[in-house]
C-alpha atoms as a PDB file:
ATOM      1  CA  MET A   1      -0.023  -0.053   0.014  1.00  0.00           C
ATOM      2  CA  GLY A   2       2.924   2.304   0.723  1.00  0.00           C
ATOM      3  CA  ASP A   3       4.290   2.009  -2.874  1.00  0.00           C
ATOM      4  CA  ARG A   4       1.091   2.903  -4.570  1.00  0.00           C
ATOM      5  CA  TYR A   5       1.040   6.285  -6.158  1.00  0.00           C
ATOM      6  CA  PRO A   6      -1.587   7.969  -8.423  1.00  0.00           C
ATOM      7  CA  ASP A   7      -1.319   7.163 -12.125  1.00  0.00           C
ATOM      8  CA  GLY A   8       1.720   8.920 -13.707  1.00  0.00           C
ATOM      9  CA  ILE A   9       3.572   9.395 -10.484  1.00  0.00           C
ATOM     10  CA  THR A  10       6.526   7.380  -9.410  1.00  0.00           C
ATOM     11  CA  GLN A  11       9.108   7.336  -6.750  1.00  0.00           C
ATOM     12  CA  THR A  12      11.455   9.513  -8.869  1.00  0.00           C
ATOM     13  CA  HIS A  13       8.903  12.394  -8.694  1.00  0.00           C
ATOM     14  CA  LEU A  14       9.289  12.501  -4.934  1.00  0.00           C
ATOM     15  CA  ARG A  15      13.056  12.837  -5.033  1.00  0.00           C
ATOM     16  CA  THR A  16      14.463  16.356  -4.945  1.00  0.00           C
ATOM     17  CA  SER A  17      17.668  17.432  -6.490  1.00  0.00           C
ATOM     18  CA  GLN A  18      19.970  20.317  -6.066  1.00  0.00           C
ATOM     19  CA  TRP A  19      19.651  21.050  -9.619  1.00  0.00           C
ATOM     20  CA  HIS A  20      15.915  20.663  -9.991  1.00  0.00           C
ATOM     21  CA  ARG A  21      14.323  23.755 -11.374  1.00  0.00           C
ATOM     22  CA  SER A  22      10.601  24.424 -11.890  1.00  0.00           C
ATOM     23  CA  ALA A  23      11.274  27.175 -14.357  1.00  0.00           C
ATOM     24  CA  SER A  24      13.898  27.718 -16.974  1.00  0.00           C
ATOM     25  CA  PRO A  25      16.659  30.249 -16.453  1.00  0.00           C
ATOM     26  CA  LEU A  26      15.623  31.798 -19.753  1.00  0.00           C
ATOM     27  CA  SER A  27      12.307  33.106 -18.183  1.00  0.00           C
ATOM     28  CA  PHE A  28      14.404  34.839 -15.404  1.00  0.00           C
ATOM     29  CA  ILE A  29      16.748  36.523 -18.025  1.00  0.00           C
ATOM     30  CA  VAL A  30      13.771  37.700 -20.095  1.00  0.00           C
ATOM     31  CA  LEU A  31      11.874  39.139 -16.955  1.00  0.00           C
ATOM     32  CA  ALA A  32      15.121  40.853 -15.601  1.00  0.00           C
ATOM     33  CA  THR A  33      15.823  42.360 -19.205  1.00  0.00           C
ATOM     34  CA  LEU A  34      12.410  43.815 -19.273  1.00  0.00           C
ATOM     35  CA  ILE A  35      12.681  45.335 -15.766  1.00  0.00           C
ATOM     36  CA  LEU A  36      16.059  46.816 -16.670  1.00  0.00           C
ATOM     37  CA  ILE A  37      14.625  48.363 -19.831  1.00  0.00           C
ATOM     38  CA  ALA A  38      11.672  49.774 -17.997  1.00  0.00           C
ATOM     39  CA  VAL A  39      13.815  51.226 -15.130  1.00  0.00           C
ATOM     40  CA  SER A  40      16.332  52.782 -17.633  1.00  0.00           C
ATOM     41  CA  GLY A  41      13.597  54.997 -19.017  1.00  0.00           C
ATOM     42  CA  ALA A  42      13.974  53.705 -22.599  1.00  0.00           C
ATOM     43  CA  LEU A  43      10.153  53.401 -22.810  1.00  0.00           C
ATOM     44  CA  GLY A  44       9.464  56.762 -21.339  1.00  0.00           C
ATOM     45  CA  GLY A  45       8.554  57.734 -17.680  1.00  0.00           C
ATOM     46  CA  LEU A  46      11.538  59.894 -17.014  1.00  0.00           C
ATOM     47  CA  PRO A  47      11.236  63.505 -15.625  1.00  0.00           C
ATOM     48  CA  ASN A  48      10.527  65.979 -18.336  1.00  0.00           C
ATOM     49  CA  PRO A  49      13.714  67.664 -19.585  1.00  0.00           C
ATOM     50  CA  SER A  50      13.678  71.569 -19.563  1.00  0.00           C
ATOM     51  CA  ARG A  51      14.633  73.535 -22.679  1.00  0.00           C
ATOM     52  CA  SER A  52      14.733  77.204 -23.079  1.00  0.00           C
ATOM     53  CA  ALA A  53      15.001  79.834 -25.819  1.00  0.00           C
ATOM     54  CA  ALA A  54      15.564  83.610 -25.176  1.00  0.00           C
ATOM     55  CA  GLY A  55      15.485  86.715 -27.015  1.00  0.00           C
ATOM     56  CA  PRO A  56      16.092  90.188 -25.808  1.00  0.00           C
ATOM     57  CA  THR A  57      12.424  90.689 -24.657  1.00  0.00           C
ATOM     58  CA  ALA A  58      11.685  87.258 -23.054  1.00  0.00           C
ATOM     59  CA  ARG A  59      12.776  83.708 -22.318  1.00  0.00           C
ATOM     60  CA  LEU A  60      10.492  80.762 -23.182  1.00  0.00           C
ATOM     61  CA  THR A  61      11.122  77.623 -21.187  1.00  0.00           C
ATOM     62  CA  LEU A  62       9.484  74.322 -21.925  1.00  0.00           C
ATOM     63  CA  GLU A  63       9.217  71.101 -19.931  1.00  0.00           C
ATOM     64  CA  ALA A  64       7.747  68.282 -21.981  1.00  0.00           C
ATOM     65  CA  PRO A  65       8.268  64.636 -22.483  1.00  0.00           C
ATOM     66  CA  GLN A  66      10.746  63.672 -25.280  1.00  0.00           C
ATOM     67  CA  ILE A  67       9.875  59.756 -25.024  1.00  0.00           C
ATOM     68  CA  ALA A  68       6.493  58.406 -24.025  1.00  0.00           C
ATOM     69  CA  ARG A  69       4.403  55.411 -24.572  1.00  0.00           C
ATOM     70  CA  SER A  70       1.319  55.146 -26.675  1.00  0.00           C
ATOM     71  CA  GLY A  71      -1.832  56.063 -24.654  1.00  0.00           C
ATOM     72  CA  MET A  72       0.150  57.801 -21.981  1.00  0.00           C
ATOM     73  CA  VAL A  73      -1.254  60.830 -20.055  1.00  0.00           C
ATOM     74  CA  PHE A  74       1.401  63.660 -20.018  1.00  0.00           C
ATOM     75  CA  GLU A  75       2.053  66.999 -18.547  1.00  0.00           C
ATOM     76  CA  MET A  76       3.730  69.989 -20.339  1.00  0.00           C
ATOM     77  CA  ARG A  77       4.875  73.162 -18.617  1.00  0.00           C
ATOM     78  CA  MET A  78       5.583  76.420 -20.441  1.00  0.00           C
ATOM     79  CA  ARG A  79       7.019  79.364 -18.786  1.00  0.00           C
ATOM     80  CA  ILE A  80       7.496  82.976 -20.118  1.00  0.00           C
ATOM     81  CA  ASP A  81       9.844  85.180 -18.322  1.00  0.00           C
ATOM     82  CA  ALA A  82       9.401  88.788 -19.543  1.00  0.00           C
ATOM     83  CA  ALA A  83      12.674  90.817 -19.451  1.00  0.00           C
ATOM     84  CA  HIS A  84      10.661  93.733 -21.104  1.00  0.00           C
ATOM     85  CA  ALA A  85       7.015  94.423 -21.327  1.00  0.00           C
ATOM     86  CA  ILE A  86       4.970  92.124 -23.679  1.00  0.00           C
ATOM     87  CA  ALA A  87       1.827  93.804 -24.787  1.00  0.00           C
ATOM     88  CA  GLN A  88       0.186  90.749 -26.419  1.00  0.00           C
ATOM     89  CA  PRO A  89       1.916  87.447 -25.240  1.00  0.00           C
ATOM     90  CA  VAL A  90       1.034  84.544 -27.539  1.00  0.00           C
ATOM     91  CA  ILE A  91       2.168  81.018 -27.296  1.00  0.00           C
ATOM     92  CA  ALA A  92       1.905  79.132 -30.639  1.00  0.00           C
ATOM     93  CA  VAL A  93       2.210  75.498 -31.071  1.00  0.00           C
ATOM     94  CA  SER A  94       2.599  73.966 -34.418  1.00  0.00           C
ATOM     95  CA  PRO A  95      -0.101  71.590 -35.615  1.00  0.00           C
ATOM     96  CA  ALA A  96       2.445  68.852 -36.467  1.00  0.00           C
ATOM     97  CA  TYR A  97       3.535  68.625 -32.860  1.00  0.00           C
ATOM     98  CA  TRP A  98      -0.024  68.243 -31.446  1.00  0.00           C
ATOM     99  CA  HIS A  99      -1.028  65.742 -34.300  1.00  0.00           C
ATOM    100  CA  GLU A 100      -2.583  62.735 -32.692  1.00  0.00           C
ATOM    101  CA  LEU A 101      -2.368  64.193 -29.207  1.00  0.00           C
ATOM    102  CA  THR A 102      -5.484  64.958 -27.122  1.00  0.00           C
ATOM    103  CA  ILE A 103      -5.046  68.152 -25.123  1.00  0.00           C
ATOM    104  CA  ASN A 104      -7.285  67.824 -22.073  1.00  0.00           C
ATOM    105  CA  THR A 105      -6.595  71.045 -19.990  1.00  0.00           C
ATOM    106  CA  MET A 106      -4.578  74.145 -20.273  1.00  0.00           C
ATOM    107  CA  ILE A 107      -4.224  76.163 -17.035  1.00  0.00           C
ATOM    108  CA  PRO A 108      -4.422  79.185 -16.878  1.00  0.00           C
ATOM    109  CA  ALA A 109      -6.792  79.300 -19.877  1.00  0.00           C
ATOM    110  CA  ALA A 110      -5.964  81.750 -22.626  1.00  0.00           C
ATOM    111  CA  ALA A 111      -7.818  85.088 -22.966  1.00  0.00           C
ATOM    112  CA  ASP A 112      -8.118  84.195 -26.692  1.00  0.00           C
ATOM    113  CA  GLU A 113      -7.640  80.922 -28.707  1.00  0.00           C
ATOM    114  CA  SER A 114      -7.212  80.883 -32.430  1.00  0.00           C
ATOM    115  CA  TYR A 115      -5.723  78.749 -35.124  1.00  0.00           C
ATOM    116  CA  GLY A 116      -3.648  80.390 -37.912  1.00  0.00           C
ATOM    117  CA  ARG A 117      -0.273  81.775 -38.874  1.00  0.00           C
ATOM    118  CA  GLY A 118       1.698  78.823 -37.786  1.00  0.00           C
ATOM    119  CA  GLY A 119      -0.517  76.849 -35.438  1.00  0.00           C
ATOM    120  CA  TYR A 120      -2.690  76.838 -32.498  1.00  0.00           C
ATOM    121  CA  ARG A 121      -2.356  80.228 -30.843  1.00  0.00           C
ATOM    122  CA  PHE A 122      -3.041  81.067 -27.121  1.00  0.00           C
ATOM    123  CA  GLU A 123      -3.075  84.758 -26.242  1.00  0.00           C
ATOM    124  CA  TYR A 124      -2.597  85.824 -22.584  1.00  0.00           C
ATOM    125  CA  ALA A 125      -2.874  89.102 -20.592  1.00  0.00           C
ATOM    126  CA  PRO A 126      -0.070  91.556 -20.996  1.00  0.00           C
ATOM    127  CA  LEU A 127       3.220  90.946 -19.002  1.00  0.00           C
ATOM    128  CA  ALA A 128       5.194  93.672 -17.384  1.00  0.00           C
ATOM    129  CA  ALA A 129       8.936  93.518 -17.350  1.00  0.00           C
ATOM    130  CA  GLY A 130       9.949  91.076 -14.801  1.00  0.00           C
ATOM    131  CA  ASP A 131       6.642  89.084 -14.861  1.00  0.00           C
ATOM    132  CA  THR A 132       6.380  85.339 -15.285  1.00  0.00           C
ATOM    133  CA  LEU A 133       3.551  83.461 -16.996  1.00  0.00           C
ATOM    134  CA  ARG A 134       3.377  79.748 -16.283  1.00  0.00           C
ATOM    135  CA  VAL A 135       1.175  77.502 -18.417  1.00  0.00           C
ATOM    136  CA  LYS A 136       0.354  73.846 -17.544  1.00  0.00           C
ATOM    137  CA  VAL A 137      -1.007  71.483 -20.295  1.00  0.00           C
ATOM    138  CA  ASP A 138      -2.365  68.138 -19.635  1.00  0.00           C
ATOM    139  CA  GLY A 139      -2.755  65.706 -22.615  1.00  0.00           C
ATOM    140  CA  GLN A 140      -2.788  62.183 -23.756  1.00  0.00           C
ATOM    141  CA  ILE A 141      -0.994  60.324 -26.698  1.00  0.00           C
ATOM    142  CA  ASN A 142      -3.633  58.806 -29.089  1.00  0.00           C
ATOM    143  CA  PRO A 143      -2.998  55.146 -30.078  1.00  0.00           C
ATOM    144  CA  ALA A 144      -2.890  56.260 -33.611  1.00  0.00           C
ATOM    145  CA  LEU A 145       0.364  58.230 -33.145  1.00  0.00           C
ATOM    146  CA  VAL A 146       3.203  55.842 -34.056  1.00  0.00           C
ATOM    147  CA  ALA A 147       6.955  56.594 -34.026  1.00  0.00           C
ATOM    148  CA  GLY A 148       6.423  60.322 -32.791  1.00  0.00           C
ATOM    149  CA  THR A 149       6.007  63.789 -33.845  1.00  0.00           C
ATOM    150  CA  THR A 150       7.940  67.098 -34.183  1.00  0.00           C
ATOM    151  CA  GLY A 151       7.237  70.702 -34.313  1.00  0.00           C
ATOM    152  CA  ARG A 152       7.708  74.160 -32.722  1.00  0.00           C
ATOM    153  CA  VAL A 153       6.525  76.065 -29.622  1.00  0.00           C
ATOM    154  CA  THR A 154       6.785  79.741 -30.285  1.00  0.00           C
ATOM    155  CA  LEU A 155       6.433  82.871 -28.288  1.00  0.00           C
ATOM    156  CA  TYR A 156       5.174  86.113 -29.862  1.00  0.00           C
ATOM    157  CA  ASP A 157       4.290  89.625 -28.913  1.00  0.00           C
ATOM    158  CA  GLY A 158       1.297  89.876 -31.158  1.00  0.00           C
ATOM    159  CA  GLU A 159       2.917  89.125 -34.455  1.00  0.00           C
ATOM    160  CA  THR A 160       6.483  89.791 -33.556  1.00  0.00           C
ATOM    161  CA  LEU A 161       8.625  86.594 -32.848  1.00  0.00           C
ATOM    162  CA  LEU A 162      10.156  86.609 -29.434  1.00  0.00           C
ATOM    163  CA  ALA A 163      11.560  83.017 -29.049  1.00  0.00           C
ATOM    164  CA  ALA A 164      11.125  79.622 -30.542  1.00  0.00           C
ATOM    165  CA  LEU A 165      11.800  76.014 -29.553  1.00  0.00           C
ATOM    166  CA  PRO A 166      11.972  72.999 -31.813  1.00  0.00           C
ATOM    167  CA  VAL A 167      10.299  70.110 -30.054  1.00  0.00           C
ATOM    168  CA  ARG A 168      10.186  66.344 -30.546  1.00  0.00           C
ATOM    169  CA  LEU A 169       8.158  63.618 -29.003  1.00  0.00           C
ATOM    170  CA  GLU A 170       9.185  60.011 -29.673  1.00  0.00           C
ATOM    171  CA  VAL A 171       6.332  57.512 -29.063  1.00  0.00           C
ATOM    172  CA  ARG A 172       7.180  53.923 -28.128  1.00  0.00           C
ATOM    173  CA  PRO A 173       4.790  51.003 -27.751  1.00  0.00           C
END
């Protein structure tokens, strides 16, 4: 009675070995590789880098993701530091940059929004010398966006160009 085991089970199944593995080392290597890739930021998720462009009147600073994953929610911050008065500050975003991105909120809201002369245009209240305007944009990457997008974020005083930044967003699966 002691030697009776269920069908398919023998005495060898009960012996343990120092080299007995329940999983292949390959599965551990694959899992470890995926974790290292994710931690490295190669798939996005790193803090947004800060880039600036300055002219004699103002400095435009942009914090936006450069690498992101499809479907990811992201945050962008734009900052205008006025060295001299700006009567009609306008931030323009090229349509190519926001192609296949959904913009959910923009805080503070612009006094006037329009499209034309190079892109989506957001006009704010006048800035005195030494004033700072901070704009926060929340968006999401649409699944249809593959590989990425490029464009420009530009600061104007009315129609006068003050500063421009080339921007690029690389989208990974």
